[in-house]
Amino acid sequence: MRCLSGTSARSIYTFPLVGVMCASLSLLGSSIDGHAESRPKPAVPPPVAPSLDVDVATVVCPSCDQKFEFPGHEEANANLVGNKYVQELRQAMYWQDSYHQFESKAHFDNCAFGESIQYIAELLKEVNTHVASAQGDIDNGRDDAAEGYAKKAFFSLGQALHATQDLYAHSNYVELMSRKYKKVVEIPILHPWEPQHVKKIGELKKTGLVSGYVFWGFPQTCPKGVPSHANLAKDSPTMKSGKLVIPHFENLTRYKVALFLAREASKDLIVYAFERWPLLERMSGKYVAFEIFQERRGI
């Protein structure tokens, strides 16, 4: 079987499933920085997104007066269940752990903040390109082709959404901010797609911002002594760091704080995208739904 290769943001979208899995699995036996690893690498998780549960998902309506979070709202449910564009966005979020699990930039792993920020910028450029192509097809009466490009735009946006959430789940941002602020709502929400926030992340790196070390991920840019992903990540309430309580935040766990911050940043990214590219709403409808923290890489 001939394996395919490629690490660009959109390349995995068109690869045959067997080829991509082969490319990913071939990395399992590789070495990191020239040193062979004896520890087993986790298996590639399945890339299939589960059915959308609108009662637990985060729902955003960028053009509504009430923009955020009204699970169970009948109109939202009717528009979201079976929405092919929302499904494309969610599919991308799940595929990241399958097809980009070895890339630090896709998950803010290994202190690769600059690489992750650039990755998000590239994905949003892809959204722009696909939206422009969709609009051109609409203008020329090619509605089927426009639908295909709109789906690709939502896919790229979903990839960017996953990476944005991982900034909060995989770094020590919660820990740093819990020392500075008295309330969770006072913590700044970082937008890694906006220049002023990118500058802020750079400043935070100088004062201790790190993300967890993943021994089979690349590139690896952390200084020695940085905690492993397993010890630092807050993807779930049962993870070592995630279950720790922050007393002055009304005894919220680090997981809950990271979840709140990631949810707010995700909402902001959706609003940003829909305001920048109105075609997204015209094609999909005014509601978007997605999950928070879907770490499935077994680390």
Protein backbone atom coordinates (compact mmCIF):
# COMPACT_ATOMS: atom_id res chain seq x y z
CA MET A 1 0.00 0.00 0.00
CA ARG A 2 1.41 3.36 -1.02
CA CYS A 3 1.15 5.97 1.75
CA LEU A 4 0.29 9.58 1.02
CA SER A 5 2.07 12.46 2.66
CA GLY A 6 1.44 16.10 3.35
CA THR A 7 0.84 18.35 6.33
CA SER A 8 -0.97 21.37 4.91
CA ALA A 9 -4.15 22.43 6.63
CA ARG A 10 -6.46 21.38 3.79
CA SER A 11 -4.52 18.50 2.29
CA ILE A 12 -6.13 15.95 4.59
CA TYR A 13 -9.58 16.95 3.34
CA THR A 14 -9.05 15.31 -0.05
CA PHE A 15 -6.83 12.35 0.88
CA PRO A 16 -8.40 8.89 0.75
CA LEU A 17 -8.99 7.65 4.29
CA VAL A 18 -6.63 4.67 3.98
CA GLY A 19 -3.86 6.85 2.59
CA VAL A 20 -4.08 9.41 5.35
CA MET A 21 -4.21 6.82 8.08
CA CYS A 22 -1.16 5.17 6.57
CA ALA A 23 0.68 8.49 6.56
CA SER A 24 -0.20 9.09 10.19
CA LEU A 25 0.63 5.59 11.36
CA SER A 26 4.01 5.70 9.65
CA LEU A 27 5.03 8.34 12.14
CA LEU A 28 4.49 6.02 15.08
CA GLY A 29 7.88 4.44 14.65
CA SER A 30 9.77 7.69 14.10
CA SER A 31 12.18 9.32 16.51
CA ILE A 32 12.00 12.77 18.02
CA ASP A 33 15.06 15.02 17.62
CA GLY A 34 17.10 11.99 16.64
CA HIS A 35 16.36 10.04 19.82
CA ALA A 36 14.39 6.83 19.55
CA GLU A 37 11.33 6.66 21.78
CA SER A 38 10.50 3.36 23.48
CA ARG A 39 7.17 4.49 24.91
CA PRO A 40 4.14 3.42 22.87
CA LYS A 41 2.34 6.05 20.84
CA PRO A 42 -1.45 6.20 21.10
CA ALA A 43 -3.60 4.75 18.36
CA VAL A 44 -5.17 7.06 15.82
CA PRO A 45 -8.72 7.87 17.01
CA PRO A 46 -11.62 7.52 14.56
CA PRO A 47 -12.33 10.75 12.66
CA VAL A 48 -16.12 10.48 12.76
CA ALA A 49 -18.06 13.18 14.60
CA PRO A 50 -20.97 11.91 16.69
CA SER A 51 -24.50 13.14 16.17
CA LEU A 52 -25.01 16.68 17.36
CA ASP A 53 -26.64 16.95 20.78
CA VAL A 54 -28.05 20.47 20.70
CA ASP A 55 -28.98 20.30 24.37
CA VAL A 56 -25.33 20.22 25.46
CA ALA A 57 -23.59 21.93 22.54
CA THR A 58 -22.67 25.60 22.52
CA VAL A 59 -25.03 27.46 20.18
CA VAL A 60 -24.09 30.77 18.62
CA CYS A 61 -26.26 33.15 16.61
CA PRO A 62 -23.90 35.95 15.51
CA SER A 63 -26.62 38.15 14.02
CA CYS A 64 -29.15 37.69 16.85
CA ASP A 65 -29.71 40.08 19.72
CA GLN A 66 -29.25 37.06 21.96
CA LYS A 67 -26.09 35.66 20.43
CA PHE A 68 -25.13 32.81 22.67
CA GLU A 69 -26.18 29.67 24.41
CA PHE A 70 -29.81 28.79 24.46
CA PRO A 71 -29.77 24.97 24.35
CA GLY A 72 -33.14 23.46 23.57
CA HIS A 73 -34.36 26.53 21.67
CA GLU A 74 -36.78 25.04 19.12
CA GLU A 75 -35.80 27.28 16.23
CA ALA A 76 -32.10 26.65 16.81
CA ASN A 77 -32.65 22.90 17.02
CA ALA A 78 -34.63 22.83 13.78
CA ASN A 79 -31.90 24.71 11.94
CA LEU A 80 -28.97 22.78 13.40
CA VAL A 81 -30.02 19.15 13.21
CA GLY A 82 -28.91 17.95 9.81
CA ASN A 83 -27.25 21.26 8.87
CA LYS A 84 -24.56 20.16 6.40
CA TYR A 85 -22.38 23.19 7.05
CA VAL A 86 -22.44 22.85 10.83
CA GLN A 87 -21.68 19.17 10.37
CA GLU A 88 -18.67 20.09 8.25
CA LEU A 89 -17.37 22.43 10.96
CA ARG A 90 -17.82 19.78 13.66
CA GLN A 91 -16.29 17.07 11.49
CA ALA A 92 -13.15 19.17 11.14
CA MET A 93 -12.90 19.58 14.90
CA TYR A 94 -12.91 15.81 15.39
CA TRP A 95 -10.60 15.10 12.47
CA GLN A 96 -7.84 17.22 13.98
CA ASP A 97 -7.07 14.55 16.56
CA SER A 98 -6.99 11.88 13.85
CA TYR A 99 -5.14 13.49 10.95
CA HIS A 100 -3.08 16.15 12.71
CA GLN A 101 -2.40 14.43 16.01
CA PHE A 102 1.38 14.51 15.49
CA GLU A 103 1.52 18.22 14.67
CA SER A 104 2.11 20.53 17.62
CA LYS A 105 0.75 23.51 15.69
CA ALA A 106 -2.71 21.98 15.44
CA HIS A 107 -3.06 21.72 19.24
CA PHE A 108 -0.82 24.37 20.83
CA ASP A 109 1.37 21.49 22.04
CA ASN A 110 5.09 21.56 22.85
CA CYS A 111 5.16 25.33 23.42
CA ALA A 112 4.64 25.84 19.67
CA PHE A 113 2.69 29.06 20.15
CA GLY A 114 4.08 30.83 17.10
CA GLU A 115 3.47 27.82 14.87
CA SER A 116 -0.08 27.41 16.18
CA ILE A 117 -0.88 31.08 15.67
CA GLN A 118 0.42 30.90 12.10
CA TYR A 119 -1.61 27.74 11.53
CA ILE A 120 -4.82 29.49 12.58
CA ALA A 121 -3.96 32.42 10.30
CA GLU A 122 -3.48 30.02 7.37
CA LEU A 123 -6.79 28.32 8.08
CA LEU A 124 -8.65 31.63 8.11
CA LYS A 125 -6.98 32.53 4.81
CA GLU A 126 -8.41 29.28 3.49
CA VAL A 127 -11.86 30.31 4.70
CA ASN A 128 -11.45 33.58 2.80
CA THR A 129 -10.39 31.76 -0.38
CA HIS A 130 -13.26 29.27 -0.23
CA VAL A 131 -15.83 32.00 0.47
CA ALA A 132 -14.58 33.99 -2.52
CA SER A 133 -14.85 30.90 -4.72
CA ALA A 134 -18.36 30.19 -3.45
CA GLN A 135 -19.45 33.74 -4.14
CA GLY A 136 -18.02 33.55 -7.66
CA ASP A 137 -19.97 30.38 -8.34
CA ILE A 138 -23.17 31.93 -6.99
CA ASP A 139 -22.68 34.95 -9.23
CA ASN A 140 -22.37 32.62 -12.21
CA GLY A 141 -25.31 30.40 -11.32
CA ARG A 142 -23.24 27.41 -10.18
CA ASP A 143 -25.03 26.75 -6.90
CA ASP A 144 -23.79 23.16 -6.49
CA ALA A 145 -20.18 24.26 -6.81
CA ALA A 146 -20.82 27.11 -4.36
CA GLU A 147 -22.13 24.63 -1.81
CA GLY A 148 -18.93 22.62 -2.06
CA TYR A 149 -16.74 25.66 -1.45
CA ALA A 150 -18.93 26.79 1.46
CA LYS A 151 -18.50 23.37 3.07
CA LYS A 152 -14.74 23.70 2.72
CA ALA A 153 -14.90 27.13 4.35
CA PHE A 154 -16.72 25.68 7.34
CA PHE A 155 -14.23 22.82 7.51
CA SER A 156 -11.28 25.20 7.72
CA LEU A 157 -13.12 27.27 10.31
CA GLY A 158 -13.68 24.13 12.39
CA GLN A 159 -9.98 23.35 12.31
CA ALA A 160 -9.21 26.87 13.55
CA LEU A 161 -11.84 26.48 16.26
CA HIS A 162 -10.22 23.29 17.57
CA ALA A 163 -6.79 24.93 17.74
CA THR A 164 -8.19 28.00 19.50
CA GLN A 165 -9.79 25.85 22.20
CA ASP A 166 -6.54 23.96 22.72
CA LEU A 167 -4.76 27.19 23.62
CA TYR A 168 -6.69 27.10 26.89
CA ALA A 169 -6.78 23.33 27.36
CA HIS A 170 -3.11 22.58 26.71
CA SER A 171 -1.30 25.57 28.20
CA ASN A 172 -0.81 26.95 31.71
CA TYR A 173 -2.78 30.12 30.90
CA VAL A 174 -5.38 29.25 33.54
CA GLU A 175 -2.67 28.83 36.17
CA LEU A 176 -0.98 32.11 35.30
CA MET A 177 -4.23 34.08 35.27
CA SER A 178 -5.51 32.53 38.51
CA ARG A 179 -2.58 34.18 40.28
CA LYS A 180 -3.47 37.59 38.86
CA TYR A 181 -7.26 37.82 38.92
CA LYS A 182 -9.84 37.37 41.66
CA LYS A 183 -12.73 36.35 39.39
CA VAL A 184 -12.88 34.11 36.35
CA VAL A 185 -14.82 36.70 34.35
CA GLU A 186 -11.92 39.13 34.75
CA ILE A 187 -9.51 36.87 32.85
CA PRO A 188 -8.80 38.23 29.35
CA ILE A 189 -10.07 36.10 26.47
CA LEU A 190 -7.24 35.62 24.00
CA HIS A 191 -7.98 35.69 20.27
CA PRO A 192 -4.99 34.05 18.55
CA TRP A 193 -6.27 35.33 15.18
CA GLU A 194 -5.98 39.04 16.14
CA PRO A 195 -2.61 40.87 16.00
CA GLN A 196 -2.94 42.58 19.37
CA HIS A 197 -3.70 39.28 21.06
CA VAL A 198 -0.84 37.56 19.25
CA LYS A 199 1.43 40.22 20.73
CA LYS A 200 -0.03 39.52 24.18
CA ILE A 201 0.67 35.80 23.83
CA GLY A 202 4.26 36.63 22.94
CA GLU A 203 4.57 38.73 26.08
CA LEU A 204 3.09 35.94 28.19
CA LYS A 205 5.66 33.49 26.83
CA LYS A 206 8.36 35.70 28.29
CA THR A 207 6.73 35.48 31.71
CA GLY A 208 6.12 31.74 31.88
CA LEU A 209 3.41 30.73 29.40
CA VAL A 210 4.05 27.15 28.26
CA SER A 211 2.10 24.22 26.87
CA GLY A 212 2.49 20.55 27.63
CA TYR A 213 5.31 18.42 26.27
CA VAL A 214 4.15 15.67 23.88
CA PHE A 215 7.02 13.29 23.19
CA TRP A 216 5.75 12.18 19.78
CA GLY A 217 4.59 15.60 18.58
CA PHE A 218 6.60 18.03 16.46
CA PRO A 219 8.04 20.56 16.50
CA GLN A 220 9.19 20.50 20.12
CA THR A 221 10.08 24.00 21.29
CA CYS A 222 9.68 23.79 25.07
CA PRO A 223 12.60 24.42 27.43
CA LYS A 224 13.63 21.57 29.68
CA GLY A 225 11.44 20.94 32.68
CA VAL A 226 8.11 21.84 31.10
CA PRO A 227 5.34 19.48 32.32
CA SER A 228 4.03 16.78 30.02
CA HIS A 229 0.67 17.12 28.34
CA ALA A 230 -0.75 14.53 30.73
CA ASN A 231 0.29 16.63 33.72
CA LEU A 232 -0.68 20.05 32.33
CA ALA A 233 -3.72 19.60 30.08
CA LYS A 234 -7.25 20.41 31.17
CA ASP A 235 -9.31 18.73 28.45
CA SER A 236 -11.47 16.84 30.93
CA PRO A 237 -12.51 17.07 34.59
CA THR A 238 -10.57 13.90 35.39
CA MET A 239 -7.16 14.95 34.08
CA LYS A 240 -4.44 15.58 36.67
CA SER A 241 -4.42 19.35 36.25
CA GLY A 242 -8.05 19.65 35.21
CA LYS A 243 -9.44 18.31 38.47
CA LEU A 244 -7.47 20.69 40.69
CA VAL A 245 -9.61 23.29 42.46
CA ILE A 246 -8.92 27.03 42.47
CA PRO A 247 -10.33 28.18 45.85
CA HIS A 248 -10.64 31.91 45.14
CA PHE A 249 -12.53 31.15 41.91
CA GLU A 250 -15.42 29.83 44.01
CA ASN A 251 -13.76 26.40 44.07
CA LEU A 252 -14.04 25.93 40.32
CA THR A 253 -11.69 23.35 38.89
CA ARG A 254 -9.03 24.31 36.38
CA TYR A 255 -11.00 22.31 33.82
CA LYS A 256 -14.10 24.44 34.42
CA VAL A 257 -12.10 27.66 34.10
CA ALA A 258 -10.38 26.48 30.91
CA LEU A 259 -13.76 25.36 29.55
CA PHE A 260 -15.25 28.79 30.19
CA LEU A 261 -12.36 30.61 28.52
CA ALA A 262 -12.31 28.27 25.52
CA ARG A 263 -16.06 28.61 25.08
CA GLU A 264 -15.87 32.40 25.12
CA ALA A 265 -12.98 32.43 22.63
CA SER A 266 -14.87 29.99 20.39
CA LYS A 267 -17.96 32.18 20.39
CA ASP A 268 -15.83 35.18 19.52
CA LEU A 269 -14.21 33.36 16.60
CA ILE A 270 -17.59 32.36 15.16
CA VAL A 271 -18.89 35.93 15.47
CA TYR A 272 -15.68 37.23 13.86
CA ALA A 273 -16.01 34.79 10.96
CA PHE A 274 -19.69 35.48 10.30
CA GLU A 275 -19.18 39.23 10.42
CA ARG A 276 -16.15 39.05 8.10
CA TRP A 277 -17.77 36.58 5.68
CA PRO A 278 -21.57 37.16 5.60
CA LEU A 279 -21.88 34.41 2.99
CA LEU A 280 -21.36 31.86 5.78
CA GLU A 281 -24.67 32.83 7.36
CA ARG A 282 -26.46 33.09 4.00
CA MET A 283 -25.42 29.54 3.15
CA SER A 284 -25.86 27.82 6.51
CA GLY A 285 -28.43 29.85 8.42
CA LYS A 286 -27.90 32.02 11.47
CA TYR A 287 -27.16 29.31 14.04
CA VAL A 288 -23.90 27.45 14.64
CA ALA A 289 -23.30 24.70 17.20
CA PHE A 290 -20.13 22.99 18.34
CA GLU A 291 -18.57 21.12 21.25
CA ILE A 292 -15.74 22.24 23.53
CA PHE A 293 -12.63 20.12 24.27
CA GLN A 294 -12.73 16.96 22.19
CA GLU A 295 -9.26 15.60 23.07
CA ARG A 296 -9.26 11.98 21.89
CA ARG A 297 -5.56 11.31 21.34
CA GLY A 298 -5.11 9.17 24.45
CA ILE A 299 -2.42 11.32 26.07
